[in-house]
Amino acid sequence: MSWVVYLVIVLAGMPVAGCALVYGWRAWQWLEERHRTAAPAQSLAELGASLRRLRAELEDTETRAGLTAKHHRVEAVRAAYLDVLTTACRRLDVSPPASRALADIYRAEAALRQRGLPVYDKAPGDKARDDKAPSDKAPGEMRGTAR
């Protein structure tokens, strides 16, 4: 090869090498800072609220008809739910779901409920219990005939 080809290779390679060094340095700094500043741990109440919110959103997304890219939305919400579920399991010393299988998820949810962290807003089939739930009002106030 002639010296012109070598010159073109060197001149084209120098900016590529420079960009690689600059972006490599920036990536290294970003990773170090991310490792240094860990997110504060959520309280159990916040974890429970996140679990219930994501569980309700997952059920709503799964049952809603006519959604654009429904499969992708369901997978994204399910991944977020599993992430929070795994975090809650680790905080309460429960073995997290071994896979994305529903049986593993149900097992982890049941173990969390036994430890005192409710996963559902209300248990499935508790509609009758909600209708008969006591309120803060006196019996006369509930019927509108206060004594």
N, C-alpha and C. Protein backbone atom coordinates (compact mmCIF):
# COMPACT_ATOMS: atom_id res chain seq x y z
N MET A 1 0.84 -1.18 0.00
CA MET A 1 0.00 0.00 0.00
C MET A 1 0.88 1.24 0.00
N SER A 2 0.29 2.27 -0.52
CA SER A 2 1.07 3.50 -0.60
C SER A 2 0.92 4.30 0.70
N TRP A 3 1.73 5.29 0.84
CA TRP A 3 1.70 6.12 2.04
C TRP A 3 0.40 6.93 2.15
N VAL A 4 -0.29 7.16 1.03
CA VAL A 4 -1.54 7.91 1.04
C VAL A 4 -2.63 7.10 1.76
N VAL A 5 -2.66 5.80 1.54
CA VAL A 5 -3.65 4.94 2.19
C VAL A 5 -3.40 4.94 3.70
N TYR A 6 -2.12 4.83 4.11
CA TYR A 6 -1.80 4.86 5.52
C TYR A 6 -2.20 6.20 6.16
N LEU A 7 -2.00 7.27 5.44
CA LEU A 7 -2.35 8.58 5.94
C LEU A 7 -3.87 8.70 6.13
N VAL A 8 -4.65 8.18 5.19
CA VAL A 8 -6.11 8.22 5.30
C VAL A 8 -6.58 7.39 6.49
N ILE A 9 -5.97 6.22 6.68
CA ILE A 9 -6.34 5.36 7.81
C ILE A 9 -6.03 6.05 9.13
N VAL A 10 -4.88 6.66 9.24
CA VAL A 10 -4.50 7.35 10.47
C VAL A 10 -5.41 8.54 10.73
N LEU A 11 -5.69 9.33 9.71
CA LEU A 11 -6.52 10.51 9.88
C LEU A 11 -7.97 10.14 10.22
N ALA A 12 -8.45 9.05 9.69
CA ALA A 12 -9.81 8.61 10.00
C ALA A 12 -9.86 7.93 11.37
N GLY A 13 -8.80 7.29 11.78
CA GLY A 13 -8.78 6.56 13.05
C GLY A 13 -8.60 7.44 14.27
N MET A 14 -7.96 8.57 14.10
CA MET A 14 -7.71 9.45 15.24
C MET A 14 -9.00 9.98 15.87
N PRO A 15 -9.95 10.51 15.10
CA PRO A 15 -11.20 10.96 15.74
C PRO A 15 -11.99 9.83 16.38
N VAL A 16 -11.96 8.67 15.75
CA VAL A 16 -12.67 7.52 16.31
C VAL A 16 -12.05 7.14 17.65
N ALA A 17 -10.74 7.10 17.72
CA ALA A 17 -10.06 6.77 18.98
C ALA A 17 -10.33 7.84 20.03
N GLY A 18 -10.32 9.11 19.63
CA GLY A 18 -10.60 10.19 20.57
C GLY A 18 -12.01 10.11 21.13
N CYS A 19 -13.00 9.86 20.27
CA CYS A 19 -14.39 9.71 20.73
C CYS A 19 -14.53 8.52 21.67
N ALA A 20 -13.85 7.43 21.34
CA ALA A 20 -13.92 6.25 22.19
C ALA A 20 -13.36 6.56 23.58
N LEU A 21 -12.26 7.31 23.64
CA LEU A 21 -11.68 7.68 24.93
C LEU A 21 -12.62 8.60 25.73
N VAL A 22 -13.17 9.61 25.07
CA VAL A 22 -14.05 10.56 25.76
C VAL A 22 -15.30 9.86 26.27
N TYR A 23 -15.97 9.10 25.42
CA TYR A 23 -17.20 8.44 25.85
C TYR A 23 -16.93 7.30 26.83
N GLY A 24 -15.80 6.67 26.72
CA GLY A 24 -15.41 5.65 27.71
C GLY A 24 -15.21 6.28 29.08
N TRP A 25 -14.55 7.45 29.11
CA TRP A 25 -14.34 8.16 30.38
C TRP A 25 -15.68 8.58 30.99
N ARG A 26 -16.58 9.12 30.16
CA ARG A 26 -17.89 9.54 30.66
C ARG A 26 -18.69 8.36 31.19
N ALA A 27 -18.64 7.24 30.51
CA ALA A 27 -19.35 6.04 30.97
C ALA A 27 -18.78 5.56 32.31
N TRP A 28 -17.48 5.60 32.45
CA TRP A 28 -16.83 5.19 33.70
C TRP A 28 -17.28 6.09 34.86
N GLN A 29 -17.30 7.40 34.63
CA GLN A 29 -17.74 8.33 35.68
C GLN A 29 -19.21 8.11 36.03
N TRP A 30 -20.05 7.89 35.04
CA TRP A 30 -21.47 7.66 35.28
C TRP A 30 -21.68 6.40 36.12
N LEU A 31 -20.95 5.32 35.78
CA LEU A 31 -21.08 4.08 36.54
C LEU A 31 -20.59 4.25 37.98
N GLU A 32 -19.50 4.99 38.16
CA GLU A 32 -19.00 5.21 39.52
C GLU A 32 -19.99 6.00 40.35
N GLU A 33 -20.58 7.04 39.78
CA GLU A 33 -21.55 7.85 40.52
C GLU A 33 -22.80 7.06 40.83
N ARG A 34 -23.24 6.26 39.88
CA ARG A 34 -24.42 5.44 40.11
C ARG A 34 -24.18 4.45 41.23
N HIS A 35 -22.98 3.91 41.28
CA HIS A 35 -22.64 2.95 42.33
C HIS A 35 -22.54 3.65 43.69
N ARG A 36 -22.03 4.88 43.69
CA ARG A 36 -21.84 5.63 44.92
C ARG A 36 -23.16 6.07 45.55
N THR A 37 -24.07 6.56 44.74
CA THR A 37 -25.32 7.10 45.27
C THR A 37 -26.44 6.10 45.06
N ALA A 38 -26.52 5.15 45.97
CA ALA A 38 -27.58 4.15 45.89
C ALA A 38 -28.89 4.79 46.34
N ALA A 39 -29.96 4.36 45.74
CA ALA A 39 -31.28 4.89 46.08
C ALA A 39 -31.63 4.50 47.52
N PRO A 40 -32.27 5.38 48.26
CA PRO A 40 -32.65 5.02 49.62
C PRO A 40 -33.70 3.92 49.61
N ALA A 41 -33.63 3.07 50.60
CA ALA A 41 -34.57 1.94 50.67
C ALA A 41 -35.98 2.45 50.95
N GLN A 42 -36.95 1.86 50.26
CA GLN A 42 -38.34 2.22 50.48
C GLN A 42 -38.83 1.59 51.78
N SER A 43 -39.76 2.26 52.43
CA SER A 43 -40.37 1.67 53.62
C SER A 43 -41.30 0.54 53.18
N LEU A 44 -41.66 -0.30 54.14
CA LEU A 44 -42.57 -1.40 53.80
C LEU A 44 -43.93 -0.88 53.36
N ALA A 45 -44.37 0.23 53.93
CA ALA A 45 -45.66 0.81 53.52
C ALA A 45 -45.60 1.26 52.06
N GLU A 46 -44.48 1.89 51.67
CA GLU A 46 -44.33 2.32 50.28
C GLU A 46 -44.25 1.13 49.34
N LEU A 47 -43.53 0.08 49.77
CA LEU A 47 -43.45 -1.12 48.94
C LEU A 47 -44.83 -1.76 48.76
N GLY A 48 -45.59 -1.82 49.85
CA GLY A 48 -46.94 -2.38 49.76
C GLY A 48 -47.83 -1.56 48.84
N ALA A 49 -47.72 -0.23 48.94
CA ALA A 49 -48.53 0.64 48.08
C ALA A 49 -48.13 0.46 46.62
N SER A 50 -46.84 0.36 46.36
CA SER A 50 -46.37 0.14 44.98
C SER A 50 -46.85 -1.21 44.45
N LEU A 51 -46.79 -2.24 45.30
CA LEU A 51 -47.27 -3.57 44.89
C LEU A 51 -48.75 -3.53 44.53
N ARG A 52 -49.55 -2.91 45.39
CA ARG A 52 -50.99 -2.86 45.12
C ARG A 52 -51.30 -2.05 43.86
N ARG A 53 -50.60 -0.93 43.68
CA ARG A 53 -50.83 -0.09 42.51
C ARG A 53 -50.45 -0.83 41.23
N LEU A 54 -49.26 -1.47 41.24
CA LEU A 54 -48.82 -2.18 40.04
C LEU A 54 -49.67 -3.41 39.76
N ARG A 55 -50.13 -4.08 40.82
CA ARG A 55 -50.99 -5.26 40.64
C ARG A 55 -52.31 -4.84 39.99
N ALA A 56 -52.88 -3.73 40.47
CA ALA A 56 -54.14 -3.24 39.89
C ALA A 56 -53.92 -2.80 38.44
N GLU A 57 -52.80 -2.14 38.18
CA GLU A 57 -52.51 -1.70 36.81
C GLU A 57 -52.28 -2.90 35.89
N LEU A 58 -51.63 -3.93 36.40
CA LEU A 58 -51.40 -5.13 35.60
C LEU A 58 -52.72 -5.82 35.26
N GLU A 59 -53.60 -5.96 36.24
CA GLU A 59 -54.90 -6.59 35.98
C GLU A 59 -55.72 -5.77 35.00
N ASP A 60 -55.67 -4.43 35.15
CA ASP A 60 -56.41 -3.56 34.25
C ASP A 60 -55.87 -3.66 32.82
N THR A 61 -54.56 -3.68 32.68
CA THR A 61 -53.94 -3.75 31.35
C THR A 61 -54.23 -5.09 30.69
N GLU A 62 -54.19 -6.17 31.49
CA GLU A 62 -54.44 -7.50 30.93
C GLU A 62 -55.88 -7.65 30.44
N THR A 63 -56.82 -7.02 31.12
CA THR A 63 -58.23 -7.23 30.77
C THR A 63 -58.80 -6.17 29.84
N ARG A 64 -58.07 -5.10 29.60
CA ARG A 64 -58.59 -4.02 28.74
C ARG A 64 -58.49 -4.45 27.28
N ALA A 65 -59.54 -4.17 26.54
CA ALA A 65 -59.56 -4.50 25.11
C ALA A 65 -59.21 -3.26 24.29
N GLY A 66 -58.63 -3.49 23.14
CA GLY A 66 -58.36 -2.41 22.20
C GLY A 66 -57.13 -1.58 22.51
N LEU A 67 -56.21 -2.09 23.32
CA LEU A 67 -54.99 -1.34 23.61
C LEU A 67 -53.99 -1.50 22.46
N THR A 68 -53.32 -0.42 22.12
CA THR A 68 -52.25 -0.49 21.15
C THR A 68 -51.02 -1.09 21.83
N ALA A 69 -50.38 -2.04 21.20
CA ALA A 69 -49.18 -2.71 21.73
C ALA A 69 -49.46 -3.29 23.12
N LYS A 70 -50.57 -3.97 23.26
CA LYS A 70 -51.00 -4.48 24.55
C LYS A 70 -49.98 -5.46 25.13
N HIS A 71 -49.44 -6.33 24.30
CA HIS A 71 -48.47 -7.31 24.79
C HIS A 71 -47.26 -6.62 25.42
N HIS A 72 -46.77 -5.57 24.77
CA HIS A 72 -45.60 -4.85 25.30
C HIS A 72 -45.93 -4.13 26.60
N ARG A 73 -47.11 -3.57 26.68
CA ARG A 73 -47.52 -2.88 27.91
C ARG A 73 -47.64 -3.87 29.06
N VAL A 74 -48.26 -5.02 28.78
CA VAL A 74 -48.43 -6.03 29.83
C VAL A 74 -47.06 -6.51 30.30
N GLU A 75 -46.15 -6.76 29.37
CA GLU A 75 -44.81 -7.22 29.75
C GLU A 75 -44.06 -6.16 30.57
N ALA A 76 -44.21 -4.90 30.21
CA ALA A 76 -43.53 -3.82 30.95
C ALA A 76 -44.09 -3.70 32.36
N VAL A 77 -45.41 -3.73 32.50
CA VAL A 77 -46.01 -3.61 33.84
C VAL A 77 -45.69 -4.84 34.66
N ARG A 78 -45.72 -6.02 34.03
CA ARG A 78 -45.39 -7.25 34.75
C ARG A 78 -43.94 -7.23 35.24
N ALA A 79 -43.02 -6.71 34.41
CA ALA A 79 -41.62 -6.62 34.83
C ALA A 79 -41.46 -5.66 36.01
N ALA A 80 -42.18 -4.53 35.98
CA ALA A 80 -42.12 -3.59 37.10
C ALA A 80 -42.70 -4.23 38.36
N TYR A 81 -43.82 -4.95 38.21
CA TYR A 81 -44.45 -5.62 39.35
C TYR A 81 -43.51 -6.67 39.94
N LEU A 82 -42.87 -7.46 39.08
CA LEU A 82 -41.95 -8.49 39.57
C LEU A 82 -40.74 -7.87 40.27
N ASP A 83 -40.29 -6.73 39.79
CA ASP A 83 -39.17 -6.04 40.43
C ASP A 83 -39.54 -5.62 41.85
N VAL A 84 -40.71 -5.01 42.01
CA VAL A 84 -41.15 -4.57 43.34
C VAL A 84 -41.46 -5.78 44.22
N LEU A 85 -42.06 -6.82 43.63
CA LEU A 85 -42.36 -8.04 44.38
C LEU A 85 -41.07 -8.68 44.90
N THR A 86 -40.05 -8.74 44.07
CA THR A 86 -38.77 -9.31 44.47
C THR A 86 -38.14 -8.48 45.58
N THR A 87 -38.21 -7.16 45.48
CA THR A 87 -37.67 -6.30 46.52
C THR A 87 -38.40 -6.53 47.84
N ALA A 88 -39.73 -6.62 47.79
CA ALA A 88 -40.51 -6.86 49.00
C ALA A 88 -40.17 -8.23 49.60
N CYS A 89 -40.01 -9.22 48.75
CA CYS A 89 -39.66 -10.56 49.24
C CYS A 89 -38.31 -10.54 49.96
N ARG A 90 -37.36 -9.86 49.39
CA ARG A 90 -36.03 -9.80 50.02
C ARG A 90 -36.07 -9.04 51.34
N ARG A 91 -36.89 -7.99 51.41
CA ARG A 91 -36.97 -7.21 52.65
C ARG A 91 -37.62 -8.02 53.78
N LEU A 92 -38.55 -8.92 53.44
CA LEU A 92 -39.26 -9.70 54.45
C LEU A 92 -38.74 -11.13 54.57
N ASP A 93 -37.57 -11.39 54.00
CA ASP A 93 -36.93 -12.72 54.06
C ASP A 93 -37.83 -13.83 53.52
N VAL A 94 -38.43 -13.55 52.38
CA VAL A 94 -39.24 -14.54 51.66
C VAL A 94 -38.49 -14.83 50.37
N SER A 95 -38.48 -16.09 49.95
CA SER A 95 -37.80 -16.39 48.70
C SER A 95 -38.58 -15.76 47.54
N PRO A 96 -37.90 -14.97 46.69
CA PRO A 96 -38.60 -14.30 45.58
C PRO A 96 -39.03 -15.31 44.52
N PRO A 97 -39.89 -14.89 43.60
CA PRO A 97 -40.32 -15.81 42.54
C PRO A 97 -39.12 -16.29 41.74
N ALA A 98 -39.06 -17.60 41.53
CA ALA A 98 -37.92 -18.18 40.82
C ALA A 98 -38.01 -17.90 39.32
N SER A 99 -39.21 -17.68 38.82
CA SER A 99 -39.40 -17.41 37.40
C SER A 99 -40.60 -16.48 37.24
N ARG A 100 -40.97 -16.23 35.99
CA ARG A 100 -42.13 -15.38 35.71
C ARG A 100 -43.42 -16.19 35.68
N ALA A 101 -43.33 -17.46 36.05
CA ALA A 101 -44.51 -18.33 36.05
C ALA A 101 -45.50 -17.84 37.12
N LEU A 102 -46.78 -17.92 36.80
CA LEU A 102 -47.80 -17.44 37.72
C LEU A 102 -47.78 -18.20 39.04
N ALA A 103 -47.46 -19.49 39.00
CA ALA A 103 -47.42 -20.27 40.24
C ALA A 103 -46.37 -19.71 41.20
N ASP A 104 -45.21 -19.33 40.68
CA ASP A 104 -44.17 -18.76 41.53
C ASP A 104 -44.59 -17.39 42.08
N ILE A 105 -45.25 -16.60 41.24
CA ILE A 105 -45.70 -15.27 41.67
C ILE A 105 -46.76 -15.42 42.75
N TYR A 106 -47.73 -16.32 42.56
CA TYR A 106 -48.78 -16.53 43.56
C TYR A 106 -48.19 -17.02 44.88
N ARG A 107 -47.18 -17.89 44.80
CA ARG A 107 -46.54 -18.40 46.01
C ARG A 107 -45.87 -17.27 46.78
N ALA A 108 -45.18 -16.39 46.07
CA ALA A 108 -44.51 -15.26 46.72
C ALA A 108 -45.54 -14.29 47.31
N GLU A 109 -46.63 -14.05 46.58
CA GLU A 109 -47.69 -13.16 47.10
C GLU A 109 -48.30 -13.73 48.38
N ALA A 110 -48.55 -15.03 48.39
CA ALA A 110 -49.13 -15.66 49.58
C ALA A 110 -48.17 -15.57 50.77
N ALA A 111 -46.89 -15.77 50.52
CA ALA A 111 -45.90 -15.67 51.60
C ALA A 111 -45.83 -14.23 52.13
N LEU A 112 -45.94 -13.24 51.26
CA LEU A 112 -45.93 -11.85 51.71
C LEU A 112 -47.18 -11.54 52.53
N ARG A 113 -48.33 -12.07 52.11
CA ARG A 113 -49.56 -11.85 52.88
C ARG A 113 -49.44 -12.47 54.27
N GLN A 114 -48.79 -13.64 54.37
CA GLN A 114 -48.59 -14.27 55.67
C GLN A 114 -47.68 -13.44 56.55
N ARG A 115 -46.77 -12.71 55.95
CA ARG A 115 -45.86 -11.84 56.71
C ARG A 115 -46.48 -10.48 57.03
N GLY A 116 -47.71 -10.24 56.57
CA GLY A 116 -48.41 -9.02 56.91
C GLY A 116 -48.36 -7.93 55.87
N LEU A 117 -47.92 -8.23 54.65
CA LEU A 117 -47.88 -7.24 53.58
C LEU A 117 -48.92 -7.60 52.54
N PRO A 118 -50.08 -6.93 52.55
CA PRO A 118 -51.11 -7.25 51.57
C PRO A 118 -50.69 -6.83 50.17
N VAL A 119 -50.97 -7.68 49.20
CA VAL A 119 -50.58 -7.44 47.82
C VAL A 119 -51.74 -6.87 47.01
N TYR A 120 -52.97 -7.23 47.38
CA TYR A 120 -54.15 -6.76 46.67
C TYR A 120 -54.80 -5.63 47.45
N ASP A 121 -55.53 -4.76 46.75
CA ASP A 121 -56.34 -3.77 47.44
C ASP A 121 -57.41 -4.48 48.24
N LYS A 122 -58.00 -5.48 47.63
CA LYS A 122 -58.93 -6.36 48.31
C LYS A 122 -58.74 -7.74 47.70
N ALA A 123 -58.97 -8.74 48.49
CA ALA A 123 -58.80 -10.10 48.00
C ALA A 123 -59.86 -10.39 46.94
N PRO A 124 -59.53 -11.18 45.92
CA PRO A 124 -60.52 -11.51 44.91
C PRO A 124 -61.72 -12.20 45.53
N GLY A 125 -62.90 -11.79 45.15
CA GLY A 125 -64.11 -12.39 45.69
C GLY A 125 -64.58 -11.76 46.98
N ASP A 126 -63.99 -10.63 47.39
CA ASP A 126 -64.38 -9.97 48.63
C ASP A 126 -65.40 -8.87 48.42
N LYS A 127 -66.15 -8.92 47.35
CA LYS A 127 -67.12 -7.87 47.08
C LYS A 127 -68.20 -7.85 48.16
N ALA A 128 -68.64 -9.01 48.57
CA ALA A 128 -69.67 -9.07 49.61
C ALA A 128 -69.16 -8.48 50.92
N ARG A 129 -67.90 -8.72 51.23
CA ARG A 129 -67.32 -8.20 52.45
C ARG A 129 -67.24 -6.68 52.39
N ASP A 130 -66.95 -6.11 51.21
CA ASP A 130 -66.88 -4.66 51.07
C ASP A 130 -68.24 -4.02 51.28
N ASP A 131 -69.29 -4.69 50.82
CA ASP A 131 -70.63 -4.12 50.97
C ASP A 131 -71.04 -4.05 52.44
N LYS A 132 -70.53 -4.97 53.25
CA LYS A 132 -70.92 -5.03 54.65
C LYS A 132 -69.85 -4.44 55.56
N ALA A 133 -68.89 -3.74 54.99
CA ALA A 133 -67.80 -3.20 55.80
C ALA A 133 -68.33 -2.13 56.73
N PRO A 134 -67.88 -2.15 57.98
CA PRO A 134 -68.33 -1.12 58.92
C PRO A 134 -67.74 0.23 58.53
N SER A 135 -68.47 1.27 58.82
CA SER A 135 -67.97 2.60 58.51
C SER A 135 -67.66 3.33 59.81
N ASP A 136 -67.14 4.53 59.69
CA ASP A 136 -66.81 5.33 60.85
C ASP A 136 -68.04 6.04 61.41
N LYS A 137 -69.14 6.02 60.68
CA LYS A 137 -70.35 6.72 61.11
C LYS A 137 -71.15 5.85 62.06
N ALA A 138 -71.95 6.50 62.84
CA ALA A 138 -72.85 5.78 63.73
C ALA A 138 -73.95 5.14 62.90
N PRO A 139 -74.62 4.09 63.40
CA PRO A 139 -75.66 3.41 62.62
C PRO A 139 -76.75 4.34 62.13
N GLY A 140 -77.15 5.31 62.91
CA GLY A 140 -78.19 6.23 62.48
C GLY A 140 -77.74 7.13 61.34
N GLU A 141 -76.46 7.50 61.35
CA GLU A 141 -75.94 8.38 60.30
C GLU A 141 -75.82 7.65 58.96
N MET A 142 -75.61 6.34 59.02
CA MET A 142 -75.46 5.59 57.79
C MET A 142 -76.78 5.55 57.02
N ARG A 143 -77.90 5.48 57.73
CA ARG A 143 -79.19 5.42 57.07
C ARG A 143 -79.77 6.80 56.81
N GLY A 144 -79.14 7.82 57.35
CA GLY A 144 -79.64 9.16 57.17
C GLY A 144 -80.67 9.56 58.21
N THR A 145 -80.84 8.74 59.25
CA THR A 145 -81.80 9.04 60.31
C THR A 145 -81.04 9.14 61.62
N ALA A 146 -80.32 10.21 61.80
CA ALA A 146 -79.56 10.40 63.02
C ALA A 146 -80.49 10.58 64.21
N ARG A 147 -80.14 10.03 65.33
CA ARG A 147 -80.98 10.09 66.53
C ARG A 147 -80.54 11.19 67.42
